[in-house]
Amino acid sequence: MKLSDIMSAANLTVYPRIALILFLLAFIVVVARLLLFGSPAKWKHDASLPLDDVNDRFVNKSRKDSSDDA
């Protein structure tokens, strides 16, 4: 008996369908949560976070001090 015979008899076509259904369910949950529980004000605030220098917690103060010496 060949390996191809064993694999074709195993009926493995159900697993990709289950994976597709799980992916679609997760996608629908994420989109529904975004649309139902999100607010435009929060989206605007979140969109500006990467550009916001005031709340930058990772600024190296010693680097700022060394630039003043030169």
C-alpha atoms as a PDB file:
ATOM      1  CA  MET A   1       0.000   0.000   0.000  1.00  0.00           C
ATOM      2  CA  LYS A   2       1.406   3.389  -1.016  1.00  0.00           C
ATOM      3  CA  LEU A   3       1.421   6.485   1.137  1.00  0.00           C
ATOM      4  CA  SER A   4      -0.746   8.277  -1.434  1.00  0.00           C
ATOM      5  CA  ASP A   5      -3.404   5.575  -1.019  1.00  0.00           C
ATOM      6  CA  ILE A   6      -3.380   6.007   2.754  1.00  0.00           C
ATOM      7  CA  MET A   7      -3.586   9.790   2.551  1.00  0.00           C
ATOM      8  CA  SER A   8      -6.383   9.775  -0.008  1.00  0.00           C
ATOM      9  CA  ALA A   9      -8.396   7.351   2.113  1.00  0.00           C
ATOM     10  CA  ALA A  10      -7.917   9.477   5.241  1.00  0.00           C
ATOM     11  CA  ASN A  11     -10.472  12.075   4.061  1.00  0.00           C
ATOM     12  CA  LEU A  12      -8.384  15.092   5.065  1.00  0.00           C
ATOM     13  CA  THR A  13     -10.533  17.573   3.144  1.00  0.00           C
ATOM     14  CA  VAL A  14     -12.547  18.419   6.240  1.00  0.00           C
ATOM     15  CA  TYR A  15      -9.647  20.164   8.043  1.00  0.00           C
ATOM     16  CA  PRO A  16      -9.230  23.080   5.601  1.00  0.00           C
ATOM     17  CA  ARG A  17     -12.963  23.691   5.763  1.00  0.00           C
ATOM     18  CA  ILE A  18     -12.907  23.767   9.559  1.00  0.00           C
ATOM     19  CA  ALA A  19      -9.929  26.151   9.474  1.00  0.00           C
ATOM     20  CA  LEU A  20     -11.741  28.445   7.033  1.00  0.00           C
ATOM     21  CA  ILE A  21     -14.843  28.507   9.223  1.00  0.00           C
ATOM     22  CA  LEU A  22     -12.776  29.310  12.342  1.00  0.00           C
ATOM     23  CA  PHE A  23     -10.943  32.087  10.499  1.00  0.00           C
ATOM     24  CA  LEU A  24     -14.176  33.622   9.234  1.00  0.00           C
ATOM     25  CA  LEU A  25     -15.708  33.501  12.710  1.00  0.00           C
ATOM     26  CA  ALA A  26     -12.663  35.200  14.234  1.00  0.00           C
ATOM     27  CA  PHE A  27     -12.677  37.835  11.485  1.00  0.00           C
ATOM     28  CA  ILE A  28     -16.369  38.555  11.997  1.00  0.00           C
ATOM     29  CA  VAL A  29     -15.865  38.876  15.763  1.00  0.00           C
ATOM     30  CA  VAL A  30     -12.991  41.330  15.317  1.00  0.00           C
ATOM     31  CA  VAL A  31     -14.890  43.475  12.809  1.00  0.00           C
ATOM     32  CA  ALA A  32     -18.071  43.435  14.902  1.00  0.00           C
ATOM     33  CA  ARG A  33     -16.158  44.427  18.020  1.00  0.00           C
ATOM     34  CA  LEU A  34     -14.462  47.239  16.140  1.00  0.00           C
ATOM     35  CA  LEU A  35     -17.699  48.609  14.726  1.00  0.00           C
ATOM     36  CA  LEU A  36     -19.907  48.117  17.773  1.00  0.00           C
ATOM     37  CA  PHE A  37     -17.580  49.096  20.617  1.00  0.00           C
ATOM     38  CA  GLY A  38     -15.254  51.548  18.902  1.00  0.00           C
ATOM     39  CA  SER A  39     -15.750  55.282  18.869  1.00  0.00           C
ATOM     40  CA  PRO A  40     -14.317  57.822  16.424  1.00  0.00           C
ATOM     41  CA  ALA A  41     -12.819  59.833  19.285  1.00  0.00           C
ATOM     42  CA  LYS A  42     -10.911  56.790  20.531  1.00  0.00           C
ATOM     43  CA  TRP A  43      -9.771  55.965  16.981  1.00  0.00           C
ATOM     44  CA  LYS A  44      -8.426  59.493  16.564  1.00  0.00           C
ATOM     45  CA  HIS A  45      -6.591  59.320  19.887  1.00  0.00           C
ATOM     46  CA  ASP A  46      -5.151  55.887  19.081  1.00  0.00           C
ATOM     47  CA  ALA A  47      -4.083  57.032  15.620  1.00  0.00           C
ATOM     48  CA  SER A  48      -2.026  59.868  17.087  1.00  0.00           C
ATOM     49  CA  LEU A  49      -0.227  57.714  19.681  1.00  0.00           C
ATOM     50  CA  PRO A  50       2.770  56.789  17.509  1.00  0.00           C
ATOM     51  CA  LEU A  51       3.335  60.469  16.703  1.00  0.00           C
ATOM     52  CA  ASP A  52       2.755  61.840  20.188  1.00  0.00           C
ATOM     53  CA  ASP A  53       6.086  63.024  21.660  1.00  0.00           C
ATOM     54  CA  VAL A  54       4.567  64.263  24.914  1.00  0.00           C
ATOM     55  CA  ASN A  55       3.780  60.755  26.131  1.00  0.00           C
ATOM     56  CA  ASP A  56       7.035  59.216  24.967  1.00  0.00           C
ATOM     57  CA  ARG A  57       8.201  57.138  27.926  1.00  0.00           C
ATOM     58  CA  PHE A  58      11.305  55.845  26.216  1.00  0.00           C
ATOM     59  CA  VAL A  59      13.223  59.096  25.767  1.00  0.00           C
ATOM     60  CA  ASN A  60      16.804  58.694  26.925  1.00  0.00           C
ATOM     61  CA  LYS A  61      17.473  61.726  29.130  1.00  0.00           C
ATOM     62  CA  SER A  62      21.228  61.136  29.153  1.00  0.00           C
ATOM     63  CA  ARG A  63      21.266  61.499  25.369  1.00  0.00           C
ATOM     64  CA  LYS A  64      19.543  64.892  25.698  1.00  0.00           C
ATOM     65  CA  ASP A  65      22.054  66.002  28.350  1.00  0.00           C
ATOM     66  CA  SER A  66      25.076  64.956  26.275  1.00  0.00           C
ATOM     67  CA  SER A  67      23.836  66.967  23.288  1.00  0.00           C
ATOM     68  CA  ASP A  68      23.748  70.124  25.422  1.00  0.00           C
ATOM     69  CA  ASP A  69      27.474  69.777  26.241  1.00  0.00           C
ATOM     70  CA  ALA A  70      28.607  70.032  22.634  1.00  0.00           C
END
